[in-house]
Amino acid sequence: MIEPGDAVIGRWLTRVNATTLIESVRDRTVPGCLDLDSTRLAGYRARFPLLDPDTDLERVRVLGGRFIIPGDTEWPSQLDDLGDGRPVGLWVRGTGSLRLLALRSVAVVGARACTAYGAHVAGELAAQLAERGWVVVSGAAYGIDAAAHRGALAVGGMTLGVLACGVDMAYPPGNSELISRIAEQGLLISELPPGEHPNRFRFVLRNRVIAALTRGTVVVEAALRSGALSTARRARDLNRQTMGVAGPVTSELSAGVHALIRSGAATLVTDAAEVGELIGAIGDDLAPRHSGPVLPRDLLEPAVARVLEAVPATAEGAPVEQLAQRSGLPPDEVLQRLYELGSLGFVERFGAHWRLVRGA
């Protein structure tokens, strides 16, 4: 009877149950407390001839699916953060428990017309997350969505596809095989009943479910005007972690992500470890610290390092007096430091001169 995210109906359902509401709309006996204007009422009633819930339930049952509502044991309570705009119910296709799978889930989203770089990063990131026990959630669209789903499936991980059409539909058609695999190995989710087709508004409304369902959202690639950014903004508004992957500064498909990070609305991440540190358990999902290699000469005391820098890279080397001039240290101290460097294998004595050890 309604489109997803109808906050008016959401408010009514906090006062009366769904059966009473449907009967009131059908019979035009809506209580005054619901404050329903005639135009909206006419719009709802216009859809009544199209409704056939018994057939919808049977169609999803044949597919091995079900319809869940708030209060069911499988209902993810984090969707309640959407307030009056939360889903009235969800059609679910697959065998896992949506509530349990969503407890440790992360959204990976991005551009449909992604670059090879974006597809590679999304697939690698999703695979790494799946190997760490995270459930990867996306929208089953072309581009980044498909790469994220495939990455999780490739390592035997769990992935959820949130659709903007019925769970019995394969949209986009080019992803029909992928959508079937998600249904077998993970879950397909939709607010729309079987047989419903997507449209532009339904994609945008679908994004709010992705944002609310997961503990955080990673945007891999997105232009300045992108549907993926709406998911990120929803996640931020819901106090979820919002993350972005940097791309080439010359790529328009990374401009939206860069703007998100620069504004402080998203945190830069480069791998699954960094994602897990932001959305995982405090102290348990820490990412390793990245640093360059530590060379032996990095561990030398400053005075010793100055003497080593003064030793020329020639076969004949240089006498102590010359090294003292170059290092700015007294000759006696230079000689002491040279013997220390000799013990460490950095330099060697060559007559009255000192030279670097080959390969040191």
Foldseek 3Di string as FASTA:
>chain_A
DDAAQPLLVLVVCVPPPPVVVVVCLQVVPDDVVSVDDPVVSVVVNVCVVVDDVVVLQVVLVVQVKHKAAPPDPLDACLLCLSPSRRQRIKIKFADDRLNVLLVFEEEEDFDQPDDPVLLVQLLQQLLQLQVVVYEYEYALGHDSRLSNLCSQVVNLGEYEHEYLFALVDDPPPVSNVVSVVNSYSYMYMYSYTPPGDHDPVSLLSSLLCNLSSHQEYEYEWAALDGSSVSSLVSNLVSVHAYAYEADDPPDRRRHNRVVCVVVVSHHYDRHNLVVCCRRHDPPPSHHDDDDDDDDPLNPDDPLLNLLLVLFDADPVTAALVSSCVSSVHDSVVSVVSLVVCVVVQQWDDDPRHIHGDPPD
